[in-house]
């Protein structure tokens, strides 16, 4: 049993992935693994509230995205050969699991990382036990890209010019996003986002601007749970119902909240649905 240890592993392409491993499973019992992949600008640390309930019964890996938290990002002029593509990002996730000796995972993808969960499940069905997407679009339309640009030429430019802290402050002041009732939480949320570098977020924003999971949806074979926010600035209930209609194994649950980040605003409600879903597999 190992708990809350932040670790690092290197990929063949030279990039480094940071992750946190938690397990409170009885040492003599076999356990399945959950992979939690946070959404844009968040880090593995933002999912602290999910650990107690999940890690009692599962081995839990919280992985920092490329350019987020402790994970590296391709430096301009130094790592120009890095292929910032869907294949690269998905295969880095697979390589993470390979190096950790994990054969299959329950993949939890929050916000834009729900797209990664869907694409991974379609690409590597033999590695996917189930899929949970939380407040997840299947692509980002131009209206969303303009929203994240905060009046600048592009979303990546906004990340680079404002820096991670400045961009986080802009996002958190927009309705239907963070919606934190506790000012102390909001300060912690911004401080934790600020651990990432604006250049790292900018590069990943460029990748997300073209990511689209729609061509993969009908190939998903694993059971799927869709956690849908009732009042998000990024996704609508209708769009998530459309997602559910595309995946034959999907089940949709609407979570009533004020914003997009239901994993935090309604952590307990989300966890009840996740544990019920996993328990019924």
Protein backbone atom coordinates (compact mmCIF):
# COMPACT_ATOMS: atom_id res chain seq x y z
CA UNK A 1 0.00 0.00 0.00
CA UNK A 2 1.45 3.34 -1.08
CA UNK A 3 -0.31 6.65 -0.65
CA UNK A 4 -0.13 10.19 -2.02
CA UNK A 5 3.31 9.89 -3.53
CA UNK A 6 4.03 12.29 -6.39
CA UNK A 7 6.24 10.53 -8.88
CA UNK A 8 7.70 11.15 -12.31
CA UNK A 9 8.32 8.97 -15.33
CA UNK A 10 9.94 9.70 -18.67
CA UNK A 11 8.57 8.90 -22.12
CA UNK A 12 10.57 7.85 -25.18
CA UNK A 13 9.89 11.27 -26.74
CA UNK A 14 11.76 13.02 -23.93
CA UNK A 15 8.76 14.40 -22.04
CA UNK A 16 8.13 13.72 -18.35
CA UNK A 17 4.80 12.86 -16.74
CA UNK A 18 3.98 13.65 -13.12
CA UNK A 19 1.40 11.58 -11.27
CA UNK A 20 0.12 10.83 -7.78
CA UNK A 21 -0.65 7.30 -6.65
CA UNK A 22 -3.11 6.50 -3.85
CA UNK A 23 -4.33 3.17 -2.50
CA UNK A 24 -5.98 2.27 0.78
CA UNK A 25 -7.11 -1.14 -0.46
CA UNK A 26 -6.60 -4.02 1.98
CA UNK A 27 -3.06 -5.20 1.18
CA UNK A 28 -4.11 -8.83 0.68
CA UNK A 29 -6.92 -7.96 -1.74
CA UNK A 30 -6.57 -7.59 -5.53
CA UNK A 31 -7.74 -4.21 -6.80
CA UNK A 32 -8.61 -2.59 -10.10
CA UNK A 33 -7.09 0.74 -11.10
CA UNK A 34 -8.73 4.10 -11.72
CA UNK A 35 -6.98 6.72 -13.85
CA UNK A 36 -8.12 10.29 -13.18
CA UNK A 37 -7.24 12.82 -15.87
CA UNK A 38 -8.07 16.41 -14.91
CA UNK A 39 -9.28 19.07 -17.32
CA UNK A 40 -7.51 22.11 -18.73
CA UNK A 41 -5.50 24.27 -16.28
CA UNK A 42 -6.29 21.99 -13.35
CA UNK A 43 -3.76 19.52 -11.91
CA UNK A 44 -3.84 16.15 -10.18
CA UNK A 45 -4.04 18.05 -6.88
CA UNK A 46 -7.44 19.49 -7.76
CA UNK A 47 -8.96 16.01 -7.40
CA UNK A 48 -7.99 15.62 -3.72
CA UNK A 49 -11.66 15.23 -2.68
CA UNK A 50 -12.12 12.10 -4.80
CA UNK A 51 -9.28 10.16 -3.22
CA UNK A 52 -10.75 9.02 0.13
CA UNK A 53 -13.83 7.36 -1.36
CA UNK A 54 -12.15 5.84 -4.42
CA UNK A 55 -8.79 4.77 -2.99
CA UNK A 56 -10.41 2.62 -0.30
CA UNK A 57 -11.47 0.16 -3.00
CA UNK A 58 -9.30 1.00 -6.02
CA UNK A 59 -5.73 1.89 -6.85
CA UNK A 60 -5.99 5.51 -7.98
CA UNK A 61 -3.62 7.27 -10.37
CA UNK A 62 -4.00 11.03 -10.73
CA UNK A 63 -1.96 12.13 -13.75
CA UNK A 64 -0.90 15.66 -14.70
CA UNK A 65 -1.58 16.54 -18.33
CA UNK A 66 1.22 17.57 -20.65
CA UNK A 67 2.24 21.09 -19.61
CA UNK A 68 0.27 20.96 -16.35
CA UNK A 69 1.43 20.69 -12.74
CA UNK A 70 4.64 18.67 -12.56
CA UNK A 71 4.50 17.34 -16.13
CA UNK A 72 6.90 18.81 -18.67
CA UNK A 73 6.02 20.50 -21.94
CA UNK A 74 7.85 20.92 -25.26
CA UNK A 75 9.96 24.10 -25.10
CA UNK A 76 9.82 26.38 -28.17
CA UNK A 77 13.09 26.21 -30.05
CA UNK A 78 14.26 23.20 -28.05
CA UNK A 79 11.61 20.52 -28.51
CA UNK A 80 10.35 21.53 -31.95
CA UNK A 81 10.32 17.89 -33.05
CA UNK A 82 7.59 17.08 -30.52
CA UNK A 83 4.42 16.04 -32.35
CA UNK A 84 1.58 17.68 -30.41
CA UNK A 85 -1.03 15.31 -31.83
CA UNK A 86 -3.86 13.16 -30.56
CA UNK A 87 -1.78 10.05 -31.18
CA UNK A 88 1.10 11.43 -29.13
CA UNK A 89 -1.04 12.40 -26.14
CA UNK A 90 -3.01 9.12 -26.12
CA UNK A 91 0.14 7.04 -26.46
CA UNK A 92 1.76 8.95 -23.58
CA UNK A 93 -1.18 7.88 -21.44
CA UNK A 94 -0.73 4.28 -22.63
CA UNK A 95 3.01 4.47 -21.95
CA UNK A 96 2.28 5.74 -18.43
CA UNK A 97 0.15 2.66 -17.78
CA UNK A 98 2.71 0.37 -19.42
CA UNK A 99 5.51 1.67 -17.22
CA UNK A 100 3.35 1.30 -14.11
CA UNK A 101 2.42 -2.25 -15.07
CA UNK A 102 -1.30 -1.48 -15.29
CA UNK A 103 -3.19 -3.60 -17.82
CA UNK A 104 -6.65 -2.00 -17.61
CA UNK A 105 -8.16 1.12 -16.09
CA UNK A 106 -11.42 2.76 -15.28
CA UNK A 107 -10.70 6.04 -17.09
CA UNK A 108 -12.18 9.16 -15.47
CA UNK A 109 -11.81 12.21 -17.71
CA UNK A 110 -12.86 15.63 -16.47
CA UNK A 111 -13.90 18.40 -18.88
CA UNK A 112 -11.69 18.31 -22.01
CA UNK A 113 -9.98 15.16 -20.72
CA UNK A 114 -13.26 13.36 -21.25
CA UNK A 115 -12.32 13.53 -24.93
CA UNK A 116 -9.05 11.76 -24.10
CA UNK A 117 -10.96 9.08 -22.17
CA UNK A 118 -13.28 8.49 -25.12
CA UNK A 119 -10.47 8.34 -27.67
CA UNK A 120 -8.39 6.06 -25.44
CA UNK A 121 -11.34 3.70 -24.93
CA UNK A 122 -11.97 3.53 -28.68
CA UNK A 123 -8.28 3.09 -29.52
CA UNK A 124 -7.35 0.67 -26.75
CA UNK A 125 -10.54 -1.20 -25.78
CA UNK A 126 -8.49 -4.01 -24.25
CA UNK A 127 -6.99 -1.50 -21.78
CA UNK A 128 -10.31 0.11 -20.77
CA UNK A 129 -12.61 -1.33 -18.09
CA UNK A 130 -15.00 1.63 -18.12
CA UNK A 131 -15.21 5.32 -18.97
CA UNK A 132 -16.47 8.19 -16.83
CA UNK A 133 -16.67 11.66 -18.37
CA UNK A 134 -17.44 14.69 -16.23
CA UNK A 135 -18.57 18.00 -17.79
CA UNK A 136 -16.97 16.91 -21.04
CA UNK A 137 -17.42 18.37 -24.52
CA UNK A 138 -16.70 16.20 -27.56
CA UNK A 139 -14.99 19.17 -29.24
CA UNK A 140 -14.58 22.89 -28.64
CA UNK A 141 -16.59 25.08 -31.03
CA UNK A 142 -15.36 28.53 -31.98
CA UNK A 143 -17.59 30.13 -29.35
CA UNK A 144 -15.73 28.19 -26.63
CA UNK A 145 -12.33 29.07 -28.11
CA UNK A 146 -13.32 32.74 -28.19
CA UNK A 147 -14.56 32.53 -24.60
CA UNK A 148 -11.22 31.09 -23.41
CA UNK A 149 -9.30 33.79 -25.34
CA UNK A 150 -10.73 36.54 -23.09
CA UNK A 151 -10.63 39.17 -25.83
CA UNK A 152 -7.21 38.24 -27.18
CA UNK A 153 -6.38 36.82 -30.59
CA UNK A 154 -6.47 33.20 -29.43
CA UNK A 155 -6.74 30.96 -26.40
CA UNK A 156 -3.04 29.93 -26.52
CA UNK A 157 -2.03 33.60 -26.74
CA UNK A 158 -4.19 34.43 -23.70
CA UNK A 159 -2.42 31.71 -21.68
CA UNK A 160 1.00 32.97 -22.68
CA UNK A 161 0.28 36.67 -22.19
CA UNK A 162 -1.72 36.41 -18.98
CA UNK A 163 0.31 33.54 -17.53
CA UNK A 164 -1.33 30.67 -15.72
CA UNK A 165 -2.37 32.80 -12.74
CA UNK A 166 -3.80 35.62 -14.83
CA UNK A 167 -5.70 33.21 -17.07
CA UNK A 168 -7.08 31.36 -14.03
CA UNK A 169 -8.25 34.65 -12.51
CA UNK A 170 -10.05 35.52 -15.73
CA UNK A 171 -11.74 32.11 -15.89
CA UNK A 172 -12.77 32.07 -12.24
CA UNK A 173 -14.43 35.47 -12.61
CA UNK A 174 -16.63 34.18 -15.45
CA UNK A 175 -20.07 32.78 -14.64
CA UNK A 176 -20.72 29.10 -15.07
CA UNK A 177 -17.10 28.07 -14.55
CA UNK A 178 -15.49 27.58 -11.12
CA UNK A 179 -18.37 29.00 -9.05
CA UNK A 180 -16.61 28.65 -5.70
CA UNK A 181 -18.70 29.62 -2.70
CA UNK A 182 -15.66 29.71 -0.43
CA UNK A 183 -13.11 32.48 -1.17
CA UNK A 184 -10.40 30.42 0.50
CA UNK A 185 -11.05 27.58 -1.95
CA UNK A 186 -10.94 30.00 -4.88
CA UNK A 187 -7.56 31.33 -3.74
CA UNK A 188 -6.25 27.77 -3.39
CA UNK A 189 -7.68 26.86 -6.81
CA UNK A 190 -5.88 29.78 -8.48
CA UNK A 191 -2.64 29.14 -6.59
CA UNK A 192 -2.72 25.49 -7.69
CA UNK A 193 -3.37 26.40 -11.32
CA UNK A 194 -0.45 28.85 -11.09
CA UNK A 195 1.94 25.95 -10.49
CA UNK A 196 1.76 25.37 -14.25
CA UNK A 197 3.62 27.59 -16.70
CA UNK A 198 1.69 29.83 -19.08
CA UNK A 199 3.72 28.51 -22.01
CA UNK A 200 2.85 24.93 -21.04
CA UNK A 201 -0.85 25.78 -20.88
CA UNK A 202 -0.61 27.68 -24.16
CA UNK A 203 0.84 24.69 -25.97
CA UNK A 204 -1.84 22.38 -24.62
CA UNK A 205 -4.57 24.91 -25.47
CA UNK A 206 -3.36 24.78 -29.07
CA UNK A 207 -3.70 20.99 -28.99
CA UNK A 208 -7.20 21.14 -27.50
CA UNK A 209 -8.32 23.68 -30.09
CA UNK A 210 -8.31 20.89 -32.68
CA UNK A 211 -9.18 17.86 -30.54
CA UNK A 212 -12.39 16.08 -31.55
CA UNK A 213 -13.62 12.81 -30.07
CA UNK A 214 -16.77 12.54 -32.20
CA UNK A 215 -15.25 10.19 -34.82
CA UNK A 216 -14.37 7.73 -32.02
CA UNK A 217 -17.61 7.61 -30.05
CA UNK A 218 -19.36 4.72 -31.80
CA UNK A 219 -16.28 2.54 -31.37
CA UNK A 220 -16.46 2.70 -27.56
CA UNK A 221 -17.26 -0.72 -26.14
CA UNK A 222 -16.67 -0.14 -22.43
CA UNK A 223 -19.50 0.86 -20.06
CA UNK A 224 -19.70 4.65 -19.86
CA UNK A 225 -21.04 7.10 -17.28
CA UNK A 226 -21.69 10.71 -18.28
CA UNK A 227 -21.77 13.24 -15.42
CA UNK A 228 -23.53 16.28 -16.82
CA UNK A 229 -23.53 19.74 -15.20
CA UNK A 230 -26.85 21.56 -15.22
CA UNK A 231 -25.36 25.04 -15.62
CA UNK A 232 -21.98 25.04 -17.37
CA UNK A 233 -20.50 27.83 -19.48
CA UNK A 234 -18.77 25.19 -21.62
CA UNK A 235 -21.22 22.32 -22.19
CA UNK A 236 -25.01 22.07 -22.27
CA UNK A 237 -27.29 19.29 -21.08
CA UNK A 238 -28.41 18.87 -24.70
CA UNK A 239 -24.85 18.39 -25.95
CA UNK A 240 -24.19 15.72 -23.34
CA UNK A 241 -27.46 13.99 -24.21
CA UNK A 242 -26.22 13.92 -27.80
CA UNK A 243 -22.99 12.35 -26.56
CA UNK A 244 -24.97 9.69 -24.73
CA UNK A 245 -26.97 8.91 -27.85
CA UNK A 246 -23.75 8.20 -29.76
CA UNK A 247 -22.38 5.66 -27.25
CA UNK A 248 -24.50 2.53 -26.91
CA UNK A 249 -23.09 1.72 -23.46
CA UNK A 250 -23.60 5.21 -22.00
CA UNK A 251 -25.68 6.25 -19.02
CA UNK A 252 -26.23 9.96 -18.28
CA UNK A 253 -26.65 11.58 -14.87
CA UNK A 254 -27.39 15.31 -14.52
CA UNK A 255 -25.72 16.99 -11.53
CA UNK A 256 -27.43 20.19 -10.42
CA UNK A 257 -24.77 22.85 -9.84
CA UNK A 258 -24.02 26.47 -10.60
CA UNK A 259 -20.92 25.94 -12.74
CA UNK A 260 -18.77 23.73 -14.93
CA UNK A 261 -16.43 22.21 -12.35
CA UNK A 262 -18.87 19.78 -10.80
CA UNK A 263 -16.02 17.49 -9.72
CA UNK A 264 -15.36 20.04 -6.95
CA UNK A 265 -18.62 21.95 -6.51
CA UNK A 266 -20.59 18.70 -6.22
CA UNK A 267 -17.85 16.19 -5.38
CA UNK A 268 -20.02 14.06 -3.10
CA UNK A 269 -22.89 13.89 -5.60
CA UNK A 270 -20.47 12.91 -8.38
CA UNK A 271 -18.80 10.26 -6.24
CA UNK A 272 -22.13 8.65 -5.32
CA UNK A 273 -22.87 8.23 -9.03
CA UNK A 274 -19.34 7.01 -9.85
CA UNK A 275 -19.23 4.42 -7.06
CA UNK A 276 -22.72 3.18 -7.95
CA UNK A 277 -21.70 2.89 -11.60
CA UNK A 278 -18.47 1.03 -10.82
CA UNK A 279 -20.19 -1.21 -8.28
CA UNK A 280 -22.77 -2.35 -10.84
CA UNK A 281 -20.27 -3.30 -13.55
